[in-house]
Amino acid sequence: MKHNLKNRRKGVAKRLEAQLESGVKPVKKQPGKTEPLTDKDIKRINKELKILAGPFTKYQKKNRKFNTESLP
């Protein structure tokens, strides 16, 4: 499972970096159309890349909406 998580994180990081390089994002409900990234989008993507670059900590795991550790 951990191996799959690493591959998923690498794939997400690669797609986000490509989106930053291109400077555009897809428009929802309009396939094939794009619009330029806003400053808010760029900040969000950079924040996500920073999180993906770090280790998957217990803190992040506990802050998920559904925590399986609390189940009996």
PDB file of N, CA and C in Angstrom:
ATOM      1  N   MET A   1       0.819  -1.191   0.000  1.00  0.00           N
ATOM      2  CA  MET A   1       0.000   0.000   0.000  1.00  0.00           C
ATOM      3  C   MET A   1       0.864   1.257   0.000  1.00  0.00           C
ATOM      4  N   LYS A   2       1.942   1.208   0.770  1.00  0.00           N
ATOM      5  CA  LYS A   2       2.802   2.384   0.858  1.00  0.00           C
ATOM      6  C   LYS A   2       3.444   2.688  -0.491  1.00  0.00           C
ATOM      7  N   HIS A   3       3.790   1.637  -1.240  1.00  0.00           N
ATOM      8  CA  HIS A   3       4.392   1.829  -2.554  1.00  0.00           C
ATOM      9  C   HIS A   3       3.413   2.531  -3.495  1.00  0.00           C
ATOM     10  N   ASN A   4       2.152   2.109  -3.451  1.00  0.00           N
ATOM     11  CA  ASN A   4       1.127   2.725  -4.289  1.00  0.00           C
ATOM     12  C   ASN A   4       0.939   4.200  -3.922  1.00  0.00           C
ATOM     13  N   LEU A   5       1.000   4.507  -2.632  1.00  0.00           N
ATOM     14  CA  LEU A   5       0.848   5.881  -2.178  1.00  0.00           C
ATOM     15  C   LEU A   5       1.969   6.761  -2.721  1.00  0.00           C
ATOM     16  N   LYS A   6       3.186   6.240  -2.720  1.00  0.00           N
ATOM     17  CA  LYS A   6       4.320   7.005  -3.249  1.00  0.00           C
ATOM     18  C   LYS A   6       4.137   7.287  -4.732  1.00  0.00           C
ATOM     19  N   ASN A   7       3.692   6.285  -5.486  1.00  0.00           N
ATOM     20  CA  ASN A   7       3.473   6.478  -6.921  1.00  0.00           C
ATOM     21  C   ASN A   7       2.368   7.493  -7.188  1.00  0.00           C
ATOM     22  N   ARG A   8       1.307   7.448  -6.403  1.00  0.00           N
ATOM     23  CA  ARG A   8       0.207   8.401  -6.580  1.00  0.00           C
ATOM     24  C   ARG A   8       0.674   9.824  -6.289  1.00  0.00           C
ATOM     25  N   ARG A   9       1.464   9.974  -5.217  1.00  0.00           N
ATOM     26  CA  ARG A   9       1.955  11.303  -4.859  1.00  0.00           C
ATOM     27  C   ARG A   9       2.888  11.846  -5.933  1.00  0.00           C
ATOM     28  N   LYS A  10       3.736  10.980  -6.498  1.00  0.00           N
ATOM     29  CA  LYS A  10       4.641  11.419  -7.561  1.00  0.00           C
ATOM     30  C   LYS A  10       3.848  11.854  -8.791  1.00  0.00           C
ATOM     31  N   GLY A  11       2.809  11.095  -9.126  1.00  0.00           N
ATOM     32  CA  GLY A  11       1.980  11.431 -10.280  1.00  0.00           C
ATOM     33  C   GLY A  11       1.247  12.748 -10.105  1.00  0.00           C
ATOM     34  N   VAL A  12       0.721  12.956  -8.913  1.00  0.00           N
ATOM     35  CA  VAL A  12       0.015  14.212  -8.630  1.00  0.00           C
ATOM     36  C   VAL A  12       0.984  15.387  -8.712  1.00  0.00           C
ATOM     37  N   ALA A  13       2.167  15.229  -8.122  1.00  0.00           N
ATOM     38  CA  ALA A  13       3.160  16.306  -8.145  1.00  0.00           C
ATOM     39  C   ALA A  13       3.568  16.627  -9.586  1.00  0.00           C
ATOM     40  N   LYS A  14       3.720  15.604 -10.396  1.00  0.00           N
ATOM     41  CA  LYS A  14       4.109  15.800 -11.789  1.00  0.00           C
ATOM     42  C   LYS A  14       3.031  16.582 -12.559  1.00  0.00           C
ATOM     43  N   ARG A  15       1.759  16.231 -12.325  1.00  0.00           N
ATOM     44  CA  ARG A  15       0.661  16.931 -13.002  1.00  0.00           C
ATOM     45  C   ARG A  15       0.541  18.382 -12.534  1.00  0.00           C
ATOM     46  N   LEU A  16       0.724  18.617 -11.227  1.00  0.00           N
ATOM     47  CA  LEU A  16       0.640  19.982 -10.716  1.00  0.00           C
ATOM     48  C   LEU A  16       1.783  20.846 -11.250  1.00  0.00           C
ATOM     49  N   GLU A  17       2.987  20.279 -11.328  1.00  0.00           N
ATOM     50  CA  GLU A  17       4.119  21.029 -11.877  1.00  0.00           C
ATOM     51  C   GLU A  17       3.881  21.367 -13.344  1.00  0.00           C
ATOM     52  N   ALA A  18       3.316  20.425 -14.088  1.00  0.00           N
ATOM     53  CA  ALA A  18       3.012  20.676 -15.500  1.00  0.00           C
ATOM     54  C   ALA A  18       1.968  21.786 -15.630  1.00  0.00           C
ATOM     55  N   GLN A  19       1.006  21.794 -14.728  1.00  0.00           N
ATOM     56  CA  GLN A  19      -0.026  22.837 -14.764  1.00  0.00           C
ATOM     57  C   GLN A  19       0.582  24.206 -14.459  1.00  0.00           C
ATOM     58  N   LEU A  20       1.525  24.251 -13.507  1.00  0.00           N
ATOM     59  CA  LEU A  20       2.192  25.524 -13.212  1.00  0.00           C
ATOM     60  C   LEU A  20       3.001  26.013 -14.405  1.00  0.00           C
ATOM     61  N   GLU A  21       3.685  25.095 -15.084  1.00  0.00           N
ATOM     62  CA  GLU A  21       4.497  25.465 -16.246  1.00  0.00           C
ATOM     63  C   GLU A  21       3.638  25.984 -17.388  1.00  0.00           C
ATOM     64  N   SER A  22       2.492  25.339 -17.613  1.00  0.00           N
ATOM     65  CA  SER A  22       1.635  25.764 -18.720  1.00  0.00           C
ATOM     66  C   SER A  22       0.905  27.070 -18.393  1.00  0.00           C
ATOM     67  N   GLY A  23       0.596  27.281 -17.110  1.00  0.00           N
ATOM     68  CA  GLY A  23      -0.066  28.518 -16.710  1.00  0.00           C
ATOM     69  C   GLY A  23      -1.553  28.552 -16.972  1.00  0.00           C
ATOM     70  N   VAL A  24      -2.158  27.419 -17.279  1.00  0.00           N
ATOM     71  CA  VAL A  24      -3.598  27.361 -17.514  1.00  0.00           C
ATOM     72  C   VAL A  24      -4.209  26.203 -16.740  1.00  0.00           C
ATOM     73  N   LYS A  25      -5.513  26.301 -16.513  1.00  0.00           N
ATOM     74  CA  LYS A  25      -6.246  25.230 -15.852  1.00  0.00           C
ATOM     75  C   LYS A  25      -7.487  24.908 -16.673  1.00  0.00           C
ATOM     76  N   PRO A  26      -7.970  23.672 -16.598  1.00  0.00           N
ATOM     77  CA  PRO A  26      -9.178  23.327 -17.348  1.00  0.00           C
ATOM     78  C   PRO A  26     -10.413  23.983 -16.738  1.00  0.00           C
ATOM     79  N   VAL A  27     -11.374  24.302 -17.590  1.00  0.00           N
ATOM     80  CA  VAL A  27     -12.631  24.906 -17.138  1.00  0.00           C
ATOM     81  C   VAL A  27     -13.611  23.776 -16.849  1.00  0.00           C
ATOM     82  N   LYS A  28     -14.237  23.834 -15.673  1.00  0.00           N
ATOM     83  CA  LYS A  28     -15.189  22.792 -15.295  1.00  0.00           C
ATOM     84  C   LYS A  28     -16.398  22.806 -16.218  1.00  0.00           C
ATOM     85  N   LYS A  29     -16.888  21.628 -16.523  1.00  0.00           N
ATOM     86  CA  LYS A  29     -18.081  21.403 -17.344  1.00  0.00           C
ATOM     87  C   LYS A  29     -17.955  21.925 -18.774  1.00  0.00           C
ATOM     88  N   GLN A  30     -16.712  22.198 -19.214  1.00  0.00           N
ATOM     89  CA  GLN A  30     -16.473  22.618 -20.595  1.00  0.00           C
ATOM     90  C   GLN A  30     -15.196  21.918 -21.074  1.00  0.00           C
ATOM     91  N   PRO A  31     -15.309  20.667 -21.488  1.00  0.00           N
ATOM     92  CA  PRO A  31     -14.122  19.902 -21.876  1.00  0.00           C
ATOM     93  C   PRO A  31     -13.332  20.568 -23.002  1.00  0.00           C
ATOM     94  N   GLY A  32     -12.019  20.555 -22.852  1.00  0.00           N
ATOM     95  CA  GLY A  32     -11.154  21.110 -23.883  1.00  0.00           C
ATOM     96  C   GLY A  32     -10.873  22.588 -23.751  1.00  0.00           C
ATOM     97  N   LYS A  33     -11.583  23.288 -22.875  1.00  0.00           N
ATOM     98  CA  LYS A  33     -11.360  24.723 -22.700  1.00  0.00           C
ATOM     99  C   LYS A  33     -10.481  24.955 -21.475  1.00  0.00           C
ATOM    100  N   THR A  34      -9.678  26.000 -21.543  1.00  0.00           N
ATOM    101  CA  THR A  34      -8.795  26.340 -20.429  1.00  0.00           C
ATOM    102  C   THR A  34      -8.891  27.822 -20.115  1.00  0.00           C
ATOM    103  N   GLU A  35      -8.435  28.164 -18.916  1.00  0.00           N
ATOM    104  CA  GLU A  35      -8.358  29.563 -18.513  1.00  0.00           C
ATOM    105  C   GLU A  35      -7.049  29.751 -17.752  1.00  0.00           C
ATOM    106  N   PRO A  36      -6.531  30.968 -17.707  1.00  0.00           N
ATOM    107  CA  PRO A  36      -5.249  31.198 -17.029  1.00  0.00           C
ATOM    108  C   PRO A  36      -5.359  30.978 -15.517  1.00  0.00           C
ATOM    109  N   LEU A  37      -4.256  30.571 -14.915  1.00  0.00           N
ATOM    110  CA  LEU A  37      -4.199  30.385 -13.469  1.00  0.00           C
ATOM    111  C   LEU A  37      -4.252  31.752 -12.774  1.00  0.00           C
ATOM    112  N   THR A  38      -5.003  31.818 -11.695  1.00  0.00           N
ATOM    113  CA  THR A  38      -5.049  33.041 -10.894  1.00  0.00           C
ATOM    114  C   THR A  38      -3.944  32.970  -9.835  1.00  0.00           C
ATOM    115  N   ASP A  39      -3.697  34.077  -9.161  1.00  0.00           N
ATOM    116  CA  ASP A  39      -2.705  34.083  -8.080  1.00  0.00           C
ATOM    117  C   ASP A  39      -3.099  33.099  -6.980  1.00  0.00           C
ATOM    118  N   LYS A  40      -4.387  32.997  -6.721  1.00  0.00           N
ATOM    119  CA  LYS A  40      -4.892  32.074  -5.704  1.00  0.00           C
ATOM    120  C   LYS A  40      -4.598  30.623  -6.107  1.00  0.00           C
ATOM    121  N   ASP A  41      -4.771  30.300  -7.383  1.00  0.00           N
ATOM    122  CA  ASP A  41      -4.473  28.952  -7.881  1.00  0.00           C
ATOM    123  C   ASP A  41      -2.992  28.626  -7.722  1.00  0.00           C
ATOM    124  N   ILE A  42      -2.139  29.576  -8.053  1.00  0.00           N
ATOM    125  CA  ILE A  42      -0.692  29.365  -7.977  1.00  0.00           C
ATOM    126  C   ILE A  42      -0.277  29.121  -6.529  1.00  0.00           C
ATOM    127  N   LYS A  43      -0.822  29.893  -5.588  1.00  0.00           N
ATOM    128  CA  LYS A  43      -0.513  29.692  -4.173  1.00  0.00           C
ATOM    129  C   LYS A  43      -0.969  28.310  -3.711  1.00  0.00           C
ATOM    130  N   ARG A  44      -2.174  27.911  -4.122  1.00  0.00           N
ATOM    131  CA  ARG A  44      -2.714  26.615  -3.727  1.00  0.00           C
ATOM    132  C   ARG A  44      -1.858  25.471  -4.266  1.00  0.00           C
ATOM    133  N   ILE A  45      -1.466  25.564  -5.524  1.00  0.00           N
ATOM    134  CA  ILE A  45      -0.656  24.515  -6.133  1.00  0.00           C
ATOM    135  C   ILE A  45       0.698  24.424  -5.454  1.00  0.00           C
ATOM    136  N   ASN A  46       1.320  25.567  -5.175  1.00  0.00           N
ATOM    137  CA  ASN A  46       2.612  25.552  -4.484  1.00  0.00           C
ATOM    138  C   ASN A  46       2.493  24.941  -3.094  1.00  0.00           C
ATOM    139  N   LYS A  47       1.396  25.227  -2.395  1.00  0.00           N
ATOM    140  CA  LYS A  47       1.171  24.654  -1.072  1.00  0.00           C
ATOM    141  C   LYS A  47       1.008  23.136  -1.170  1.00  0.00           C
ATOM    142  N   GLU A  48       0.248  22.666  -2.157  1.00  0.00           N
ATOM    143  CA  GLU A  48       0.051  21.237  -2.344  1.00  0.00           C
ATOM    144  C   GLU A  48       1.362  20.537  -2.691  1.00  0.00           C
ATOM    145  N   LEU A  49       2.186  21.166  -3.531  1.00  0.00           N
ATOM    146  CA  LEU A  49       3.481  20.573  -3.882  1.00  0.00           C
ATOM    147  C   LEU A  49       4.385  20.463  -2.659  1.00  0.00           C
ATOM    148  N   LYS A  50       4.330  21.453  -1.794  1.00  0.00           N
ATOM    149  CA  LYS A  50       5.136  21.426  -0.575  1.00  0.00           C
ATOM    150  C   LYS A  50       4.695  20.273   0.323  1.00  0.00           C
ATOM    151  N   ILE A  51       3.393  20.069   0.444  1.00  0.00           N
ATOM    152  CA  ILE A  51       2.863  18.972   1.254  1.00  0.00           C
ATOM    153  C   ILE A  51       3.255  17.626   0.652  1.00  0.00           C
ATOM    154  N   LEU A  52       3.151  17.499  -0.665  1.00  0.00           N
ATOM    155  CA  LEU A  52       3.477  16.241  -1.328  1.00  0.00           C
ATOM    156  C   LEU A  52       4.956  15.905  -1.236  1.00  0.00           C
ATOM    157  N   ALA A  53       5.806  16.921  -1.143  1.00  0.00           N
ATOM    158  CA  ALA A  53       7.248  16.691  -1.084  1.00  0.00           C
ATOM    159  C   ALA A  53       7.667  16.143   0.278  1.00  0.00           C
ATOM    160  N   GLY A  54       6.892  16.428   1.316  1.00  0.00           N
ATOM    161  CA  GLY A  54       7.239  15.982   2.659  1.00  0.00           C
ATOM    162  C   GLY A  54       6.743  14.575   2.928  1.00  0.00           C
ATOM    163  N   PRO A  55       7.120  14.034   4.086  1.00  0.00           N
ATOM    164  CA  PRO A  55       6.658  12.689   4.446  1.00  0.00           C
ATOM    165  C   PRO A  55       5.184  12.706   4.837  1.00  0.00           C
ATOM    166  N   PHE A  56       4.547  11.559   4.714  1.00  0.00           N
ATOM    167  CA  PHE A  56       3.150  11.413   5.115  1.00  0.00           C
ATOM    168  C   PHE A  56       3.146  11.158   6.612  1.00  0.00           C
ATOM    169  N   THR A  57       2.857  12.185   7.389  1.00  0.00           N
ATOM    170  CA  THR A  57       2.986  12.103   8.841  1.00  0.00           C
ATOM    171  C   THR A  57       1.696  11.642   9.503  1.00  0.00           C
ATOM    172  N   LYS A  58       1.812  11.304  10.774  1.00  0.00           N
ATOM    173  CA  LYS A  58       0.644  10.916  11.550  1.00  0.00           C
ATOM    174  C   LYS A  58      -0.320  12.087  11.671  1.00  0.00           C
ATOM    175  N   TYR A  59       0.216  13.310  11.738  1.00  0.00           N
ATOM    176  CA  TYR A  59      -0.625  14.497  11.846  1.00  0.00           C
ATOM    177  C   TYR A  59      -1.568  14.587  10.654  1.00  0.00           C
ATOM    178  N   GLN A  60      -1.046  14.377   9.453  1.00  0.00           N
ATOM    179  CA  GLN A  60      -1.885  14.436   8.262  1.00  0.00           C
ATOM    180  C   GLN A  60      -2.908  13.307   8.280  1.00  0.00           C
ATOM    181  N   LYS A  61      -2.488  12.132   8.750  1.00  0.00           N
ATOM    182  CA  LYS A  61      -3.381  10.985   8.773  1.00  0.00           C
ATOM    183  C   LYS A  61      -4.534  11.211   9.759  1.00  0.00           C
ATOM    184  N   LYS A  62      -4.261  11.827  10.910  1.00  0.00           N
ATOM    185  CA  LYS A  62      -5.289  12.068  11.906  1.00  0.00           C
ATOM    186  C   LYS A  62      -6.289  13.119  11.453  1.00  0.00           C
ATOM    187  N   ASN A  63      -5.900  14.031  10.589  1.00  0.00           N
ATOM    188  CA  ASN A  63      -6.783  15.101  10.161  1.00  0.00           C
ATOM    189  C   ASN A  63      -7.633  14.745   8.957  1.00  0.00           C
ATOM    190  N   ARG A  64      -7.643  13.477   8.565  1.00  0.00           N
ATOM    191  CA  ARG A  64      -8.538  13.047   7.499  1.00  0.00           C
ATOM    192  C   ARG A  64      -9.964  13.069   8.017  1.00  0.00           C
ATOM    193  N   LYS A  65     -10.924  13.134   7.114  1.00  0.00           N
ATOM    194  CA  LYS A  65     -12.327  13.158   7.530  1.00  0.00           C
ATOM    195  C   LYS A  65     -12.735  11.825   8.146  1.00  0.00           C
ATOM    196  N   PHE A  66     -12.228  10.711   7.623  1.00  0.00           N
ATOM    197  CA  PHE A  66     -12.587   9.395   8.122  1.00  0.00           C
ATOM    198  C   PHE A  66     -11.328   8.724   8.639  1.00  0.00           C
ATOM    199  N   ASN A  67     -11.252   8.539   9.938  1.00  0.00           N
ATOM    200  CA  ASN A  67     -10.095   7.954  10.566  1.00  0.00           C
ATOM    201  C   ASN A  67     -10.426   6.521  10.968  1.00  0.00           C
ATOM    202  N   THR A  68      -9.783   5.540  10.348  1.00  0.00           N
ATOM    203  CA  THR A  68     -10.078   4.131  10.627  1.00  0.00           C
ATOM    204  C   THR A  68      -9.505   3.685  11.957  1.00  0.00           C
ATOM    205  N   GLU A  69      -8.568   4.414  12.539  1.00  0.00           N
ATOM    206  CA  GLU A  69      -7.977   4.026  13.814  1.00  0.00           C
ATOM    207  C   GLU A  69      -8.981   4.142  14.960  1.00  0.00           C
ATOM    208  N   SER A  70      -9.992   4.949  14.805  1.00  0.00           N
ATOM    209  CA  SER A  70     -10.977   5.133  15.871  1.00  0.00           C
ATOM    210  C   SER A  70     -12.053   4.050  15.855  1.00  0.00           C
ATOM    211  N   LEU A  71     -12.050   3.199  14.843  1.00  0.00           N
ATOM    212  CA  LEU A  71     -13.039   2.129  14.776  1.00  0.00           C
ATOM    213  C   LEU A  71     -12.699   1.013  15.752  1.00  0.00           C
ATOM    214  N   PRO A  72     -13.725   0.343  16.310  1.00  0.00           N
ATOM    215  CA  PRO A  72     -13.464  -0.753  17.275  1.00  0.00           C
ATOM    216  C   PRO A  72     -12.870  -1.963  16.605  1.00  0.00           C
TER     217      PRO A  72
END
